[in-house]
N, C-alpha and C. Protein backbone atom coordinates (compact mmCIF):
# COMPACT_ATOMS: atom_id res chain seq x y z
N MET A 1 22.32 -3.66 21.72
CA MET A 1 22.13 -2.24 21.92
C MET A 1 20.64 -1.91 21.77
N THR A 2 20.12 -1.12 22.68
CA THR A 2 18.71 -0.73 22.63
C THR A 2 18.55 0.55 21.82
N LEU A 3 17.30 0.84 21.48
CA LEU A 3 17.02 2.08 20.76
C LEU A 3 17.42 3.29 21.60
N LYS A 4 17.17 3.23 22.90
CA LYS A 4 17.55 4.36 23.77
C LYS A 4 19.05 4.60 23.75
N ASN A 5 19.83 3.54 23.63
CA ASN A 5 21.28 3.68 23.58
C ASN A 5 21.75 4.41 22.32
N LEU A 6 20.92 4.41 21.28
CA LEU A 6 21.29 5.06 20.02
C LEU A 6 20.89 6.53 19.96
N LEU A 7 20.17 7.01 20.99
CA LEU A 7 19.77 8.42 21.02
C LEU A 7 20.99 9.33 20.98
N GLY A 8 20.95 10.28 20.09
CA GLY A 8 22.06 11.24 19.95
C GLY A 8 23.21 10.71 19.13
N ILE A 9 23.28 9.41 18.92
CA ILE A 9 24.33 8.81 18.11
C ILE A 9 23.84 8.64 16.67
N SER A 10 22.72 7.93 16.54
CA SER A 10 22.13 7.74 15.21
C SER A 10 20.62 7.90 15.20
N LEU A 11 20.02 8.09 16.39
CA LEU A 11 18.58 8.29 16.49
C LEU A 11 18.26 9.55 17.28
N ASP A 12 17.08 10.09 16.99
CA ASP A 12 16.53 11.22 17.72
C ASP A 12 15.15 10.81 18.22
N ALA A 13 14.74 11.31 19.36
CA ALA A 13 13.41 11.03 19.88
C ALA A 13 12.40 11.97 19.23
N VAL A 14 11.25 11.40 18.84
CA VAL A 14 10.15 12.18 18.27
C VAL A 14 8.84 11.60 18.80
N ALA A 15 7.80 12.38 18.70
CA ALA A 15 6.48 11.87 19.05
C ALA A 15 5.94 11.07 17.87
N PRO A 16 5.41 9.88 18.11
CA PRO A 16 4.77 9.15 17.01
C PRO A 16 3.68 10.02 16.37
N ASN A 17 3.60 9.97 15.06
CA ASN A 17 2.70 10.87 14.34
C ASN A 17 1.86 10.08 13.35
N LYS A 18 0.57 9.99 13.62
CA LYS A 18 -0.35 9.21 12.79
C LYS A 18 -0.36 9.70 11.34
N ALA A 19 -0.42 11.01 11.14
CA ALA A 19 -0.46 11.55 9.77
C ALA A 19 0.82 11.22 9.02
N HIS A 20 1.95 11.36 9.68
CA HIS A 20 3.25 11.05 9.06
C HIS A 20 3.32 9.57 8.70
N ILE A 21 2.88 8.73 9.61
CA ILE A 21 2.89 7.28 9.37
C ILE A 21 1.96 6.94 8.20
N GLY A 22 0.80 7.57 8.16
CA GLY A 22 -0.13 7.34 7.06
C GLY A 22 0.46 7.71 5.71
N LYS A 23 1.14 8.85 5.66
CA LYS A 23 1.76 9.28 4.41
C LYS A 23 2.86 8.32 3.98
N LEU A 24 3.69 7.89 4.93
CA LEU A 24 4.78 6.97 4.60
C LEU A 24 4.25 5.60 4.17
N MET A 25 3.20 5.11 4.83
CA MET A 25 2.62 3.82 4.44
C MET A 25 2.06 3.90 3.02
N ALA A 26 1.38 5.00 2.71
CA ALA A 26 0.82 5.18 1.36
C ALA A 26 1.94 5.31 0.32
N ALA A 27 2.99 6.04 0.66
CA ALA A 27 4.12 6.20 -0.26
C ALA A 27 4.81 4.86 -0.50
N ALA A 28 4.96 4.07 0.55
CA ALA A 28 5.57 2.74 0.40
C ALA A 28 4.72 1.87 -0.52
N GLN A 29 3.41 1.94 -0.37
CA GLN A 29 2.52 1.15 -1.23
C GLN A 29 2.64 1.59 -2.68
N ARG A 30 2.73 2.90 -2.91
CA ARG A 30 2.91 3.40 -4.29
C ARG A 30 4.24 2.93 -4.86
N ASN A 31 5.30 2.96 -4.06
CA ASN A 31 6.61 2.53 -4.54
C ASN A 31 6.63 1.03 -4.84
N ILE A 32 5.92 0.25 -4.04
CA ILE A 32 5.83 -1.19 -4.32
C ILE A 32 5.09 -1.39 -5.65
N ALA A 33 4.04 -0.64 -5.87
CA ALA A 33 3.32 -0.72 -7.16
C ALA A 33 4.23 -0.31 -8.32
N ASP A 34 4.98 0.76 -8.14
CA ASP A 34 5.89 1.21 -9.20
C ASP A 34 6.97 0.17 -9.48
N ALA A 35 7.43 -0.52 -8.46
CA ALA A 35 8.48 -1.53 -8.63
C ALA A 35 8.00 -2.71 -9.46
N GLN A 36 6.70 -2.81 -9.67
CA GLN A 36 6.14 -3.90 -10.46
C GLN A 36 5.90 -3.51 -11.93
N LEU A 37 6.20 -2.26 -12.27
CA LEU A 37 5.96 -1.79 -13.63
C LEU A 37 7.01 -2.36 -14.59
N ALA A 38 6.55 -3.16 -15.52
CA ALA A 38 7.46 -3.83 -16.45
C ALA A 38 8.20 -2.86 -17.36
N GLY A 39 7.65 -1.69 -17.59
CA GLY A 39 8.28 -0.72 -18.47
C GLY A 39 9.49 -0.01 -17.88
N LEU A 40 9.69 -0.16 -16.59
CA LEU A 40 10.84 0.48 -15.94
C LEU A 40 12.08 -0.40 -16.07
N SER A 41 13.23 0.23 -16.04
CA SER A 41 14.48 -0.53 -16.03
C SER A 41 14.59 -1.31 -14.72
N THR A 42 15.41 -2.31 -14.73
CA THR A 42 15.64 -3.10 -13.52
C THR A 42 16.11 -2.21 -12.38
N GLU A 43 17.00 -1.26 -12.67
CA GLU A 43 17.53 -0.38 -11.64
C GLU A 43 16.42 0.48 -11.03
N ASN A 44 15.51 0.99 -11.86
CA ASN A 44 14.43 1.82 -11.33
C ASN A 44 13.41 1.01 -10.55
N ARG A 45 13.15 -0.23 -10.98
CA ARG A 45 12.27 -1.10 -10.19
C ARG A 45 12.91 -1.39 -8.84
N PHE A 46 14.21 -1.66 -8.84
CA PHE A 46 14.94 -1.90 -7.60
C PHE A 46 14.88 -0.67 -6.70
N ASP A 47 15.14 0.50 -7.29
CA ASP A 47 15.13 1.75 -6.50
C ASP A 47 13.77 2.00 -5.85
N ALA A 48 12.69 1.75 -6.60
CA ALA A 48 11.35 1.97 -6.04
C ALA A 48 11.10 1.01 -4.87
N ALA A 49 11.47 -0.25 -5.04
CA ALA A 49 11.27 -1.23 -3.96
C ALA A 49 12.14 -0.89 -2.75
N TYR A 50 13.38 -0.49 -2.99
CA TYR A 50 14.27 -0.13 -1.88
C TYR A 50 13.74 1.10 -1.15
N LYS A 51 13.22 2.05 -1.90
CA LYS A 51 12.65 3.25 -1.28
C LYS A 51 11.49 2.87 -0.36
N ALA A 52 10.67 1.92 -0.79
CA ALA A 52 9.57 1.44 0.05
C ALA A 52 10.10 0.82 1.34
N ILE A 53 11.17 0.06 1.24
CA ILE A 53 11.78 -0.55 2.44
C ILE A 53 12.21 0.53 3.41
N MET A 54 12.82 1.57 2.91
CA MET A 54 13.27 2.65 3.80
C MET A 54 12.08 3.39 4.40
N GLN A 55 11.05 3.62 3.62
CA GLN A 55 9.86 4.30 4.15
C GLN A 55 9.23 3.47 5.26
N LEU A 56 9.18 2.17 5.08
CA LEU A 56 8.60 1.29 6.10
C LEU A 56 9.47 1.23 7.35
N ALA A 57 10.78 1.26 7.17
CA ALA A 57 11.68 1.30 8.32
C ALA A 57 11.50 2.60 9.10
N MET A 58 11.23 3.69 8.39
CA MET A 58 10.97 4.98 9.05
C MET A 58 9.64 4.95 9.79
N VAL A 59 8.65 4.27 9.23
CA VAL A 59 7.37 4.08 9.93
C VAL A 59 7.62 3.34 11.24
N ALA A 60 8.38 2.27 11.17
CA ALA A 60 8.66 1.46 12.35
C ALA A 60 9.34 2.29 13.44
N LEU A 61 10.29 3.09 13.04
CA LEU A 61 10.96 3.95 14.02
C LEU A 61 9.99 4.98 14.60
N ASN A 62 9.24 5.66 13.74
CA ASN A 62 8.32 6.70 14.21
C ASN A 62 7.28 6.13 15.15
N ALA A 63 6.77 4.96 14.86
CA ALA A 63 5.75 4.34 15.71
C ALA A 63 6.28 4.05 17.11
N ASN A 64 7.60 3.96 17.23
CA ASN A 64 8.25 3.72 18.51
C ASN A 64 8.83 4.99 19.13
N GLY A 65 8.62 6.13 18.47
CA GLY A 65 9.08 7.40 19.03
C GLY A 65 10.50 7.79 18.66
N TYR A 66 10.94 7.35 17.48
CA TYR A 66 12.30 7.67 17.04
C TYR A 66 12.32 8.04 15.57
N ARG A 67 13.42 8.64 15.16
CA ARG A 67 13.74 8.86 13.75
C ARG A 67 15.25 8.83 13.63
N THR A 68 15.73 8.53 12.44
CA THR A 68 17.18 8.52 12.24
C THR A 68 17.69 9.95 12.16
N LEU A 69 18.93 10.12 12.54
CA LEU A 69 19.61 11.40 12.36
C LEU A 69 20.18 11.39 10.96
N THR A 70 19.45 11.97 10.02
CA THR A 70 19.87 11.92 8.62
C THR A 70 21.10 12.78 8.34
N SER A 71 21.47 13.61 9.29
CA SER A 71 22.67 14.43 9.11
C SER A 71 23.94 13.62 9.34
N LYS A 72 23.78 12.42 9.88
CA LYS A 72 24.93 11.56 10.14
C LYS A 72 24.94 10.41 9.15
N PRO A 73 26.14 9.96 8.76
CA PRO A 73 26.19 8.84 7.82
C PRO A 73 25.63 7.57 8.46
N GLY A 74 25.12 6.69 7.60
CA GLY A 74 24.66 5.40 8.08
C GLY A 74 23.20 5.35 8.49
N HIS A 75 22.40 6.37 8.12
CA HIS A 75 21.01 6.35 8.57
C HIS A 75 20.19 5.25 7.91
N HIS A 76 20.52 4.85 6.68
CA HIS A 76 19.83 3.72 6.07
C HIS A 76 20.15 2.43 6.83
N GLN A 77 21.41 2.25 7.15
CA GLN A 77 21.83 1.06 7.89
C GLN A 77 21.15 1.02 9.26
N THR A 78 21.11 2.14 9.94
CA THR A 78 20.47 2.21 11.25
C THR A 78 18.99 1.85 11.15
N ALA A 79 18.30 2.43 10.17
CA ALA A 79 16.87 2.17 10.01
C ALA A 79 16.60 0.68 9.80
N ILE A 80 17.40 0.05 8.97
CA ILE A 80 17.22 -1.38 8.70
C ILE A 80 17.59 -2.22 9.91
N GLN A 81 18.71 -1.91 10.54
CA GLN A 81 19.18 -2.76 11.63
C GLN A 81 18.38 -2.60 12.92
N THR A 82 17.53 -1.58 13.01
CA THR A 82 16.68 -1.44 14.19
C THR A 82 15.33 -2.15 14.03
N LEU A 83 15.05 -2.72 12.86
CA LEU A 83 13.76 -3.37 12.64
C LEU A 83 13.45 -4.50 13.63
N PRO A 84 14.42 -5.28 14.10
CA PRO A 84 14.08 -6.27 15.12
C PRO A 84 13.57 -5.61 16.41
N SER A 85 14.13 -4.48 16.76
CA SER A 85 13.72 -3.77 17.98
C SER A 85 12.42 -3.01 17.79
N THR A 86 12.18 -2.48 16.59
CA THR A 86 11.00 -1.65 16.39
C THR A 86 9.75 -2.47 16.08
N VAL A 87 9.87 -3.47 15.22
CA VAL A 87 8.69 -4.25 14.83
C VAL A 87 8.91 -5.76 14.91
N GLY A 88 9.96 -6.18 15.58
CA GLY A 88 10.19 -7.60 15.79
C GLY A 88 10.51 -8.38 14.53
N LEU A 89 11.14 -7.75 13.56
CA LEU A 89 11.50 -8.44 12.33
C LEU A 89 12.61 -9.45 12.61
N ALA A 90 12.51 -10.62 12.02
CA ALA A 90 13.51 -11.68 12.22
C ALA A 90 14.87 -11.23 11.69
N GLN A 91 15.91 -11.63 12.38
CA GLN A 91 17.27 -11.24 12.01
C GLN A 91 17.63 -11.69 10.60
N GLY A 92 17.15 -12.85 10.19
CA GLY A 92 17.44 -13.33 8.84
C GLY A 92 16.91 -12.39 7.77
N LYS A 93 15.75 -11.80 8.02
CA LYS A 93 15.19 -10.84 7.07
C LYS A 93 15.99 -9.55 7.06
N VAL A 94 16.50 -9.17 8.22
CA VAL A 94 17.33 -7.96 8.30
C VAL A 94 18.61 -8.15 7.50
N ILE A 95 19.16 -9.34 7.55
CA ILE A 95 20.39 -9.63 6.78
C ILE A 95 20.11 -9.43 5.28
N VAL A 96 18.97 -9.90 4.81
CA VAL A 96 18.60 -9.72 3.40
C VAL A 96 18.43 -8.24 3.09
N LEU A 97 17.72 -7.51 3.95
CA LEU A 97 17.52 -6.07 3.73
C LEU A 97 18.84 -5.32 3.72
N ASP A 98 19.76 -5.72 4.58
CA ASP A 98 21.06 -5.05 4.61
C ASP A 98 21.86 -5.35 3.35
N ALA A 99 21.74 -6.55 2.82
CA ALA A 99 22.40 -6.88 1.55
C ALA A 99 21.81 -6.03 0.42
N LEU A 100 20.51 -5.80 0.45
CA LEU A 100 19.88 -4.94 -0.55
C LEU A 100 20.37 -3.50 -0.40
N ARG A 101 20.58 -3.06 0.83
CA ARG A 101 21.13 -1.72 1.07
C ARG A 101 22.52 -1.60 0.44
N LYS A 102 23.32 -2.63 0.60
CA LYS A 102 24.67 -2.62 0.02
C LYS A 102 24.60 -2.61 -1.51
N GLN A 103 23.66 -3.37 -2.08
CA GLN A 103 23.48 -3.36 -3.53
C GLN A 103 23.04 -1.98 -4.01
N ARG A 104 22.18 -1.34 -3.25
CA ARG A 104 21.74 0.01 -3.59
C ARG A 104 22.93 0.96 -3.62
N ASN A 105 23.83 0.84 -2.66
CA ASN A 105 25.02 1.69 -2.64
C ASN A 105 25.89 1.45 -3.86
N LEU A 106 26.08 0.19 -4.23
CA LEU A 106 26.88 -0.13 -5.42
C LEU A 106 26.24 0.44 -6.68
N SER A 107 24.94 0.33 -6.77
CA SER A 107 24.23 0.85 -7.93
C SER A 107 24.29 2.37 -7.99
N ASP A 108 24.00 3.01 -6.86
CA ASP A 108 23.94 4.47 -6.83
C ASP A 108 25.31 5.13 -6.94
N TYR A 109 26.30 4.58 -6.27
CA TYR A 109 27.59 5.26 -6.16
C TYR A 109 28.67 4.73 -7.09
N SER A 110 28.46 3.51 -7.64
CA SER A 110 29.45 2.95 -8.56
C SER A 110 28.89 2.69 -9.94
N GLY A 111 27.58 2.82 -10.08
CA GLY A 111 26.96 2.58 -11.37
C GLY A 111 26.79 1.11 -11.71
N ASP A 112 26.97 0.22 -10.72
CA ASP A 112 26.80 -1.21 -10.98
C ASP A 112 25.36 -1.51 -11.40
N LEU A 113 25.21 -2.43 -12.32
CA LEU A 113 23.89 -2.86 -12.76
C LEU A 113 23.27 -3.75 -11.69
N VAL A 114 21.96 -3.70 -11.60
CA VAL A 114 21.22 -4.53 -10.66
C VAL A 114 20.68 -5.74 -11.42
N PRO A 115 21.06 -6.95 -11.01
CA PRO A 115 20.52 -8.14 -11.67
C PRO A 115 19.00 -8.25 -11.45
N ASP A 116 18.31 -8.82 -12.43
CA ASP A 116 16.86 -8.98 -12.33
C ASP A 116 16.46 -9.72 -11.05
N ALA A 117 17.21 -10.74 -10.69
CA ALA A 117 16.88 -11.53 -9.48
C ALA A 117 16.98 -10.67 -8.22
N VAL A 118 17.91 -9.74 -8.19
CA VAL A 118 18.05 -8.86 -7.03
C VAL A 118 16.89 -7.87 -6.96
N ALA A 119 16.50 -7.36 -8.11
CA ALA A 119 15.33 -6.45 -8.13
C ALA A 119 14.08 -7.20 -7.67
N ALA A 120 13.93 -8.44 -8.10
CA ALA A 120 12.77 -9.24 -7.68
C ALA A 120 12.82 -9.51 -6.17
N GLU A 121 14.00 -9.78 -5.64
CA GLU A 121 14.14 -9.99 -4.19
C GLU A 121 13.81 -8.72 -3.43
N CYS A 122 14.22 -7.59 -3.95
CA CYS A 122 13.94 -6.32 -3.29
C CYS A 122 12.44 -6.07 -3.25
N LEU A 123 11.75 -6.34 -4.35
CA LEU A 123 10.30 -6.17 -4.40
C LEU A 123 9.62 -7.12 -3.41
N ALA A 124 10.04 -8.37 -3.40
CA ALA A 124 9.44 -9.35 -2.47
C ALA A 124 9.69 -8.93 -1.03
N SER A 125 10.89 -8.45 -0.74
CA SER A 125 11.22 -8.02 0.63
C SER A 125 10.42 -6.79 1.02
N ALA A 126 10.23 -5.87 0.09
CA ALA A 126 9.44 -4.67 0.37
C ALA A 126 7.99 -5.05 0.65
N SER A 127 7.44 -5.94 -0.15
CA SER A 127 6.06 -6.39 0.04
C SER A 127 5.90 -7.10 1.39
N ASP A 128 6.84 -7.97 1.71
CA ASP A 128 6.80 -8.68 3.00
C ASP A 128 6.91 -7.71 4.17
N LEU A 129 7.82 -6.74 4.05
CA LEU A 129 7.99 -5.77 5.12
C LEU A 129 6.73 -4.91 5.28
N HIS A 130 6.11 -4.54 4.18
CA HIS A 130 4.87 -3.77 4.24
C HIS A 130 3.81 -4.53 5.05
N ALA A 131 3.63 -5.81 4.73
CA ALA A 131 2.65 -6.63 5.46
C ALA A 131 3.04 -6.76 6.93
N HIS A 132 4.32 -6.94 7.19
CA HIS A 132 4.79 -7.10 8.57
C HIS A 132 4.56 -5.84 9.39
N VAL A 133 4.94 -4.69 8.84
CA VAL A 133 4.78 -3.42 9.56
C VAL A 133 3.30 -3.13 9.79
N ARG A 134 2.46 -3.34 8.78
CA ARG A 134 1.03 -3.10 8.94
C ARG A 134 0.45 -4.00 10.03
N ALA A 135 0.81 -5.27 10.03
CA ALA A 135 0.32 -6.20 11.05
C ALA A 135 0.81 -5.80 12.43
N TRP A 136 2.08 -5.37 12.53
CA TRP A 136 2.63 -4.95 13.82
C TRP A 136 1.88 -3.72 14.34
N LEU A 137 1.62 -2.76 13.45
CA LEU A 137 0.88 -1.56 13.86
C LEU A 137 -0.52 -1.92 14.34
N LYS A 138 -1.21 -2.81 13.63
CA LYS A 138 -2.57 -3.20 14.02
C LYS A 138 -2.61 -3.78 15.43
N VAL A 139 -1.59 -4.56 15.77
CA VAL A 139 -1.56 -5.21 17.09
C VAL A 139 -1.01 -4.27 18.17
N ASN A 140 0.07 -3.57 17.86
CA ASN A 140 0.82 -2.82 18.88
C ASN A 140 0.51 -1.33 18.95
N ARG A 141 0.14 -0.72 17.84
CA ARG A 141 -0.12 0.72 17.79
C ARG A 141 -1.30 1.04 16.89
N PRO A 142 -2.47 0.41 17.13
CA PRO A 142 -3.62 0.61 16.23
C PRO A 142 -4.06 2.06 16.11
N GLU A 143 -3.81 2.86 17.12
CA GLU A 143 -4.19 4.26 17.08
C GLU A 143 -3.40 5.05 16.04
N LEU A 144 -2.32 4.47 15.52
CA LEU A 144 -1.50 5.15 14.51
C LEU A 144 -1.92 4.81 13.08
N LEU A 145 -2.86 3.89 12.94
CA LEU A 145 -3.33 3.51 11.60
C LEU A 145 -4.50 4.39 11.18
């Protein structure tokens, strides 16, 4: 399925916005830094790293002229699963990000504890995605940086 096929279902068309992308990239960087704070609980470190992943997925969509329809369920899943189409992220990495999304749901909606190893994986994935999105923007959409 292409991004155009998702219009009106889970995506909306928008104009790419340099200022918006800049704010989201900076926010993702701050969240990655916060996820490294030893004084935070494992759940809060995980939440900060996961938030960075979502912000970066939103950057990827915006750079391609889309945004998720947040009024419909599944916008986190859509944002993550469109990363191969938006910034060429490998499917294996998307599988990991989707597993982190599911862990986030268990933590947020069921109160499940987040294991330290999962929080560390979330931070590593957020850092990797940040580097990937920044590199993709430099090559494909430098005017948005």
